[in-house]
């Protein structure tokens, strides 16, 4: 049923694209957004007024909060499954000289027959530990027609923005990219980490967290087969005794996991920070514990240590799929229990040097000017 729906959705988009054959690209740029961070960085740079092209922002439901952040720009919130919204989105894209996207959108397949419109993929993460695209384990269970459709979407990307050669290699493999389509500008969302940082104590006060405590941020990846069951890296007792009461554990969960997870209530040592902005949490935290999420790639820009709590690595790799050599790529050692995590914390200097190595490799081109470089490139192409 899912495959049939996807097929007719794709067919509808192609028909609308064909019916709008008379629409010619103008000077405008369309920004199609599913995650807010890249778009926020791009639009903040655009508002500095150095660019000659108009921009039309199309926000999916997940990114609609951006509409209030940029009220002076032309912004539309769309439902990708609503026929009228699909038509409006396709019209905007076909009216543009450049279309910038941050995710997999079947909508971009209308651009494959329009060589005069350039489609630029900025992707929503500056690194990856999980397999995606054609190498996603779930793709192996899809029909040939589904895989052909996936390939058509990936083939619609004329350029892909990357922050490292590692990520370029991943896109080549996961999207089956031929040739060098990469814009080595860095990933726009990383620009924020080069701006003047708000004082961490001020942020703690803002969010009612104890100023006198260091913060361990635990940000586990979304597990689509384990909404309720996940493991905390430390207990309240360990935070008080093994870590000498110096830290609190701030836990940021995916919205779906948060609905069913059971965290200690009114605890002085374990805090649910799932509703707080990730960027602020990263800035005020002293240490990150993650697993297979892309959060470490951003946190590494702050030159602070990272631990990896991978208690279900074998099962996760089997069910979801990790990149090759995951254990060698991460800046540290995969830990299966609290004891291993505590052991790693004994050598903070080693953790620090590992993070610096990791950031040099994965944030090679992300140096604080990614948005400006991207928009300057688009401006030159549009003029």
Protein backbone atom coordinates (compact mmCIF):
# COMPACT_ATOMS: atom_id res chain seq x y z
CA UNK A 1 0.00 0.00 0.00
CA UNK A 2 2.81 2.38 0.91
CA UNK A 3 4.58 1.75 -2.39
CA UNK A 4 1.38 2.35 -4.37
CA UNK A 5 0.73 5.63 -2.60
CA UNK A 6 4.33 6.72 -3.22
CA UNK A 7 4.02 5.80 -6.90
CA UNK A 8 0.84 7.84 -7.45
CA UNK A 9 2.31 10.73 -5.45
CA UNK A 10 5.36 10.69 -7.73
CA UNK A 11 3.15 10.38 -10.82
CA UNK A 12 1.00 13.35 -9.72
CA UNK A 13 4.11 15.49 -9.27
CA UNK A 14 5.44 14.54 -12.71
CA UNK A 15 2.07 15.32 -14.34
CA UNK A 16 1.91 18.76 -12.68
CA UNK A 17 5.49 19.42 -13.77
CA UNK A 18 4.58 18.50 -17.36
CA UNK A 19 1.42 20.66 -17.33
CA UNK A 20 3.51 23.64 -16.20
CA UNK A 21 5.85 23.31 -19.19
CA UNK A 22 5.14 26.95 -20.07
CA UNK A 23 6.64 28.27 -16.80
CA UNK A 24 10.08 29.75 -17.39
CA UNK A 25 12.74 30.33 -14.72
CA UNK A 26 13.19 33.90 -13.58
CA UNK A 27 15.82 35.42 -11.32
CA UNK A 28 14.33 34.14 -8.05
CA UNK A 29 15.64 31.39 -5.78
CA UNK A 30 13.37 28.87 -4.06
CA UNK A 31 14.46 27.46 -0.70
CA UNK A 32 12.61 24.21 0.16
CA UNK A 33 13.03 23.46 3.87
CA UNK A 34 12.34 20.47 6.11
CA UNK A 35 14.78 21.28 8.95
CA UNK A 36 15.24 24.85 10.22
CA UNK A 37 18.98 25.09 10.97
CA UNK A 38 20.46 25.37 7.46
CA UNK A 39 17.65 27.64 6.30
CA UNK A 40 18.03 29.91 9.34
CA UNK A 41 21.73 30.42 8.62
CA UNK A 42 21.11 31.02 4.90
CA UNK A 43 18.28 33.50 5.50
CA UNK A 44 20.22 35.43 8.17
CA UNK A 45 23.03 35.89 5.65
CA UNK A 46 20.56 36.79 2.87
CA UNK A 47 19.06 39.55 5.02
CA UNK A 48 22.40 41.34 5.13
CA UNK A 49 21.40 42.65 1.71
CA UNK A 50 24.40 41.71 -0.44
CA UNK A 51 22.44 39.64 -2.95
CA UNK A 52 20.42 40.73 -5.96
CA UNK A 53 17.94 37.86 -6.32
CA UNK A 54 14.53 37.52 -4.59
CA UNK A 55 14.05 34.40 -2.47
CA UNK A 56 10.89 32.36 -1.89
CA UNK A 57 10.95 30.11 1.17
CA UNK A 58 8.79 26.96 1.24
CA UNK A 59 8.56 25.48 4.73
CA UNK A 60 7.30 21.98 5.44
CA UNK A 61 5.42 21.44 8.70
CA UNK A 62 8.54 20.45 10.63
CA UNK A 63 10.20 23.79 9.86
CA UNK A 64 7.20 26.14 10.07
CA UNK A 65 8.60 27.92 13.15
CA UNK A 66 10.90 29.80 10.77
CA UNK A 67 7.92 31.74 9.39
CA UNK A 68 7.83 33.88 12.56
CA UNK A 69 11.60 34.39 12.52
CA UNK A 70 11.61 35.97 9.06
CA UNK A 71 8.30 37.87 8.70
CA UNK A 72 9.71 40.30 6.13
CA UNK A 73 10.57 37.55 3.62
CA UNK A 74 8.27 35.70 1.22
CA UNK A 75 7.58 32.54 3.21
CA UNK A 76 4.94 29.86 2.59
CA UNK A 77 4.15 26.88 4.82
CA UNK A 78 3.23 23.85 2.73
CA UNK A 79 1.75 20.43 3.27
CA UNK A 80 3.61 18.13 0.89
CA UNK A 81 0.57 15.87 0.54
CA UNK A 82 -1.93 18.62 -0.26
CA UNK A 83 -2.53 18.80 -4.05
CA UNK A 84 -2.85 22.59 -4.15
CA UNK A 85 0.30 23.05 -2.06
CA UNK A 86 2.17 20.67 -4.36
CA UNK A 87 1.12 22.74 -7.38
CA UNK A 88 2.22 26.00 -5.72
CA UNK A 89 5.57 24.51 -4.72
CA UNK A 90 6.25 23.16 -8.21
CA UNK A 91 5.29 26.51 -9.78
CA UNK A 92 7.71 28.32 -7.47
CA UNK A 93 10.50 25.87 -8.26
CA UNK A 94 9.97 26.07 -12.02
CA UNK A 95 9.94 29.89 -11.77
CA UNK A 96 13.39 29.87 -10.17
CA UNK A 97 16.91 29.94 -11.50
CA UNK A 98 18.09 27.98 -8.46
CA UNK A 99 16.31 25.63 -6.04
CA UNK A 100 18.00 24.88 -2.68
CA UNK A 101 16.76 21.86 -0.70
CA UNK A 102 17.85 20.25 2.59
CA UNK A 103 16.38 16.75 2.33
CA UNK A 104 14.90 14.06 0.08
CA UNK A 105 11.97 15.66 -1.77
CA UNK A 106 10.15 13.86 -4.59
CA UNK A 107 9.23 17.38 -5.75
CA UNK A 108 12.74 17.89 -7.14
CA UNK A 109 12.15 15.25 -9.83
CA UNK A 110 10.33 17.94 -11.88
CA UNK A 111 13.71 19.64 -12.29
CA UNK A 112 15.42 16.75 -14.08
CA UNK A 113 14.00 17.90 -17.43
CA UNK A 114 14.88 21.55 -16.73
CA UNK A 115 18.65 21.94 -17.28
CA UNK A 116 18.31 25.72 -16.93
CA UNK A 117 17.32 25.32 -13.24
CA UNK A 118 20.05 24.28 -10.82
CA UNK A 119 19.08 22.16 -7.80
CA UNK A 120 21.45 22.43 -4.82
CA UNK A 121 21.25 19.96 -1.95
CA UNK A 122 22.56 21.31 1.39
CA UNK A 123 21.42 18.28 3.47
CA UNK A 124 20.35 18.61 7.09
CA UNK A 125 23.46 17.29 8.84
CA UNK A 126 27.17 17.99 8.50
CA UNK A 127 28.12 14.35 9.07
CA UNK A 128 26.62 10.87 9.27
CA UNK A 129 27.10 7.71 11.30
CA UNK A 130 23.91 6.05 10.01
CA UNK A 131 23.41 4.72 6.51
CA UNK A 132 20.83 6.50 4.41
CA UNK A 133 19.77 6.82 0.79
CA UNK A 134 20.43 3.75 -1.36
CA UNK A 135 22.49 2.15 1.43
CA UNK A 136 19.72 2.40 4.03
CA UNK A 137 18.94 -1.16 5.17
CA UNK A 138 15.22 -0.50 4.66
CA UNK A 139 15.90 0.26 0.97
CA UNK A 140 16.83 -3.39 0.47
CA UNK A 141 13.25 -4.33 1.32
CA UNK A 142 11.67 -1.90 -1.14
CA UNK A 143 10.47 -2.73 -4.64
CA UNK A 144 12.52 -2.05 -7.76
CA UNK A 145 10.07 0.70 -8.68
CA UNK A 146 10.66 2.36 -5.32
CA UNK A 147 14.44 2.22 -5.76
CA UNK A 148 14.16 3.67 -9.28
CA UNK A 149 12.14 6.55 -7.82
CA UNK A 150 14.76 7.13 -5.12
CA UNK A 151 17.44 7.26 -7.80
CA UNK A 152 15.48 9.85 -9.78
CA UNK A 153 15.33 12.11 -6.73
CA UNK A 154 19.09 11.80 -6.12
CA UNK A 155 19.77 12.37 -9.82
CA UNK A 156 17.92 15.70 -9.60
CA UNK A 157 20.68 17.19 -7.40
CA UNK A 158 22.98 19.19 -9.65
CA UNK A 159 25.19 20.28 -6.75
CA UNK A 160 25.66 19.06 -3.17
CA UNK A 161 27.14 21.26 -0.45
CA UNK A 162 29.64 19.47 1.80
CA UNK A 163 31.71 20.29 4.85
CA UNK A 164 34.31 17.56 4.31
CA UNK A 165 35.69 15.04 1.87
CA UNK A 166 34.36 12.30 4.16
CA UNK A 167 30.82 13.55 3.57
CA UNK A 168 31.44 13.87 -0.17
CA UNK A 169 32.47 10.20 -0.24
CA UNK A 170 29.33 9.24 1.70
CA UNK A 171 27.08 11.10 -0.75
CA UNK A 172 28.85 9.44 -3.68
CA UNK A 173 28.09 6.03 -2.22
CA UNK A 174 24.67 6.61 -0.67
CA UNK A 175 23.23 8.68 -3.57
CA UNK A 176 25.24 6.93 -6.30
CA UNK A 177 26.72 10.26 -7.40
CA UNK A 178 28.82 10.24 -10.54
CA UNK A 179 31.48 12.90 -11.05
CA UNK A 180 32.30 15.86 -8.83
CA UNK A 181 29.05 17.67 -8.05
CA UNK A 182 30.26 19.06 -4.74
CA UNK A 183 30.36 22.63 -3.49
CA UNK A 184 33.02 22.66 -0.79
CA UNK A 185 31.66 25.67 1.08
CA UNK A 186 30.94 24.04 4.43
CA UNK A 187 27.46 23.35 5.80
CA UNK A 188 25.40 26.52 6.53
CA UNK A 189 24.11 25.33 9.91
CA UNK A 190 27.69 25.32 11.24
CA UNK A 191 28.06 29.09 10.80
CA UNK A 192 26.29 29.68 14.12
CA UNK A 193 29.15 28.03 16.00
CA UNK A 194 31.58 30.69 14.79
CA UNK A 195 29.47 33.57 16.05
CA UNK A 196 30.05 35.15 19.44
CA UNK A 197 28.75 32.66 21.98
CA UNK A 198 26.36 33.53 24.77
CA UNK A 199 27.84 32.91 28.22
CA UNK A 200 27.08 29.35 29.36
CA UNK A 201 26.09 30.50 32.86
CA UNK A 202 23.64 32.98 31.35
CA UNK A 203 22.12 30.16 29.31
CA UNK A 204 21.86 27.94 32.39
CA UNK A 205 20.06 30.72 34.25
CA UNK A 206 17.78 31.32 31.28
CA UNK A 207 16.65 27.68 31.32
CA UNK A 208 16.61 27.30 35.12
CA UNK A 209 19.52 24.89 35.33
CA UNK A 210 22.00 25.04 38.24
CA UNK A 211 24.81 27.45 37.38
CA UNK A 212 27.26 25.80 39.79
CA UNK A 213 27.03 22.38 38.05
CA UNK A 214 28.71 21.17 34.88
CA UNK A 215 26.34 19.67 32.31
CA UNK A 216 26.55 16.29 30.61
CA UNK A 217 24.18 16.38 27.65
CA UNK A 218 22.76 13.00 26.65
CA UNK A 219 21.29 13.14 23.14
CA UNK A 220 20.50 9.63 21.90
CA UNK A 221 19.40 9.01 18.35
CA UNK A 222 15.80 8.20 17.50
CA UNK A 223 15.18 4.45 17.64
CA UNK A 224 12.10 3.70 15.58
CA UNK A 225 11.68 0.26 17.17
CA UNK A 226 12.25 1.38 20.77
CA UNK A 227 10.00 4.33 21.61
CA UNK A 228 9.85 3.48 25.30
CA UNK A 229 13.00 1.51 25.99
CA UNK A 230 16.28 3.38 26.17
CA UNK A 231 19.12 3.40 28.64
CA UNK A 232 20.46 6.36 30.62
CA UNK A 233 24.26 6.51 30.73
CA UNK A 234 24.39 7.33 34.45
CA UNK A 235 22.10 6.86 37.43
CA UNK A 236 21.46 9.55 40.03
CA UNK A 237 23.70 7.62 42.42
CA UNK A 238 26.59 7.57 39.92
CA UNK A 239 26.22 11.30 39.28
CA UNK A 240 26.38 11.99 43.01
CA UNK A 241 29.18 9.59 43.95
CA UNK A 242 31.25 8.38 40.97
CA UNK A 243 31.21 11.84 39.40
CA UNK A 244 31.47 13.55 42.79
CA UNK A 245 28.37 15.66 42.33
CA UNK A 246 30.06 17.92 39.77
CA UNK A 247 27.62 17.20 36.94
CA UNK A 248 23.94 17.02 36.16
CA UNK A 249 22.67 14.85 33.31
CA UNK A 250 20.56 16.78 30.80
CA UNK A 251 18.55 14.42 28.58
CA UNK A 252 17.31 15.53 25.15
CA UNK A 253 14.99 13.02 23.52
CA UNK A 254 13.32 12.87 20.12
CA UNK A 255 9.68 14.08 20.43
CA UNK A 256 8.32 10.57 19.77
CA UNK A 257 10.59 9.05 22.43
CA UNK A 258 9.73 11.81 24.91
CA UNK A 259 6.03 10.96 24.78
CA UNK A 260 6.56 7.46 26.14
CA UNK A 261 9.90 7.64 27.98
CA UNK A 262 9.99 7.57 31.75
CA UNK A 263 12.57 9.91 33.27
CA UNK A 264 12.96 10.58 37.01
CA UNK A 265 10.56 13.32 38.10
CA UNK A 266 11.74 16.31 40.14
CA UNK A 267 15.31 14.99 40.14
CA UNK A 268 18.13 17.32 41.10
CA UNK A 269 20.55 15.25 39.00
CA UNK A 270 18.69 14.21 35.84
CA UNK A 271 16.85 16.90 33.85
CA UNK A 272 14.56 16.48 30.84
CA UNK A 273 15.64 19.19 28.37
CA UNK A 274 13.90 17.71 25.32
CA UNK A 275 11.99 20.94 24.64
CA UNK A 276 15.04 23.24 24.75
CA UNK A 277 16.86 24.38 21.55
CA UNK A 278 19.69 22.02 20.64
CA UNK A 279 22.10 24.86 19.78
CA UNK A 280 21.75 26.39 23.26
CA UNK A 281 22.14 22.99 24.91
CA UNK A 282 25.37 22.34 23.03
CA UNK A 283 26.76 25.74 23.98
CA UNK A 284 26.10 25.34 27.71
CA UNK A 285 27.11 21.68 28.00
CA UNK A 286 30.57 20.62 29.09
CA UNK A 287 30.38 17.09 27.74
CA UNK A 288 28.22 15.27 25.18
CA UNK A 289 27.16 11.64 25.33
CA UNK A 290 25.63 10.40 22.08
CA UNK A 291 25.56 7.27 19.96
CA UNK A 292 24.66 7.23 16.26
CA UNK A 293 23.15 10.72 15.96
CA UNK A 294 24.70 13.53 13.90
CA UNK A 295 24.86 15.84 16.96
CA UNK A 296 28.59 15.07 17.63
CA UNK A 297 29.55 16.64 14.30
CA UNK A 298 28.18 19.99 15.51
CA UNK A 299 29.36 19.63 19.10
CA UNK A 300 32.91 18.98 17.87
CA UNK A 301 32.99 22.55 16.52
CA UNK A 302 32.96 23.72 20.15
CA UNK A 303 36.09 21.67 20.98
CA UNK A 304 34.49 19.89 23.91
CA UNK A 305 34.76 16.15 24.72
CA UNK A 306 32.33 13.49 23.49
CA UNK A 307 31.53 10.02 24.78
CA UNK A 308 29.67 7.31 22.85
CA UNK A 309 27.14 5.20 24.70
CA UNK A 310 26.46 2.37 22.24
CA UNK A 311 24.85 -0.31 24.42
CA UNK A 312 22.85 -1.67 21.43
CA UNK A 313 25.41 -1.19 18.64
CA UNK A 314 25.18 -4.71 17.20
CA UNK A 315 21.37 -4.70 17.10
CA UNK A 316 21.23 -1.13 15.80
CA UNK A 317 23.70 -1.88 13.02
CA UNK A 318 21.67 -4.93 12.01
CA UNK A 319 18.30 -3.16 12.05
CA UNK A 320 19.21 0.37 10.95
CA UNK A 321 22.76 0.26 9.58
CA UNK A 322 25.93 2.18 10.47
CA UNK A 323 28.63 3.53 8.20
CA UNK A 324 31.66 1.35 7.61
CA UNK A 325 34.38 1.63 10.24
CA UNK A 326 32.05 3.45 12.65
CA UNK A 327 34.18 2.48 15.66
CA UNK A 328 37.30 3.96 14.02
CA UNK A 329 35.58 7.14 12.85
CA UNK A 330 34.09 8.27 16.17
CA UNK A 331 36.27 10.47 18.41
CA UNK A 332 36.55 7.99 21.24
CA UNK A 333 35.65 4.45 22.23
CA UNK A 334 32.17 2.88 21.91
CA UNK A 335 31.01 2.17 25.47
CA UNK A 336 28.42 -0.49 26.27
CA UNK A 337 27.86 0.41 29.93
CA UNK A 338 28.31 3.09 32.58
CA UNK A 339 31.53 1.56 33.82
CA UNK A 340 33.22 2.05 30.44
CA UNK A 341 31.95 5.63 30.27
CA UNK A 342 33.38 6.39 33.70
CA UNK A 343 36.71 4.87 32.68
CA UNK A 344 36.86 7.09 29.59
CA UNK A 345 36.27 10.17 31.71
CA UNK A 346 39.54 9.56 33.54
CA UNK A 347 41.53 10.77 30.51
CA UNK A 348 39.96 14.07 29.44
CA UNK A 349 43.09 15.11 27.53
CA UNK A 350 42.77 12.09 25.24
CA UNK A 351 39.06 12.79 24.70
CA UNK A 352 39.90 16.38 23.83
CA UNK A 353 42.58 15.47 21.28
CA UNK A 354 40.23 12.94 19.66
CA UNK A 355 37.54 15.59 19.23
CA UNK A 356 40.01 18.01 17.66
CA UNK A 357 41.10 15.33 15.17
CA UNK A 358 37.49 14.45 14.41
CA UNK A 359 36.47 18.08 13.84
CA UNK A 360 39.43 18.77 11.56
CA UNK A 361 38.37 15.89 9.34
CA UNK A 362 34.57 16.28 9.31
CA UNK A 363 34.34 20.09 9.46
CA UNK A 364 37.18 20.68 7.03
CA UNK A 365 35.34 23.30 4.95
CA UNK A 366 32.94 24.57 7.64
CA UNK A 367 34.75 27.69 8.81
CA UNK A 368 31.95 30.13 9.54
CA UNK A 369 31.27 31.43 6.02
CA UNK A 370 29.28 28.59 4.44
CA UNK A 371 26.06 30.56 3.94
CA UNK A 372 27.87 33.53 2.45
CA UNK A 373 29.81 31.33 0.03
CA UNK A 374 26.66 29.50 -1.06
CA UNK A 375 24.63 32.68 -1.62
CA UNK A 376 27.54 34.35 -3.42
CA UNK A 377 27.75 31.34 -5.73
CA UNK A 378 24.00 31.54 -6.42
CA UNK A 379 24.23 35.31 -6.93
CA UNK A 380 26.95 34.92 -9.55
CA UNK A 381 24.94 32.24 -11.36
CA UNK A 382 21.82 34.41 -11.28
CA UNK A 383 23.45 37.59 -12.57
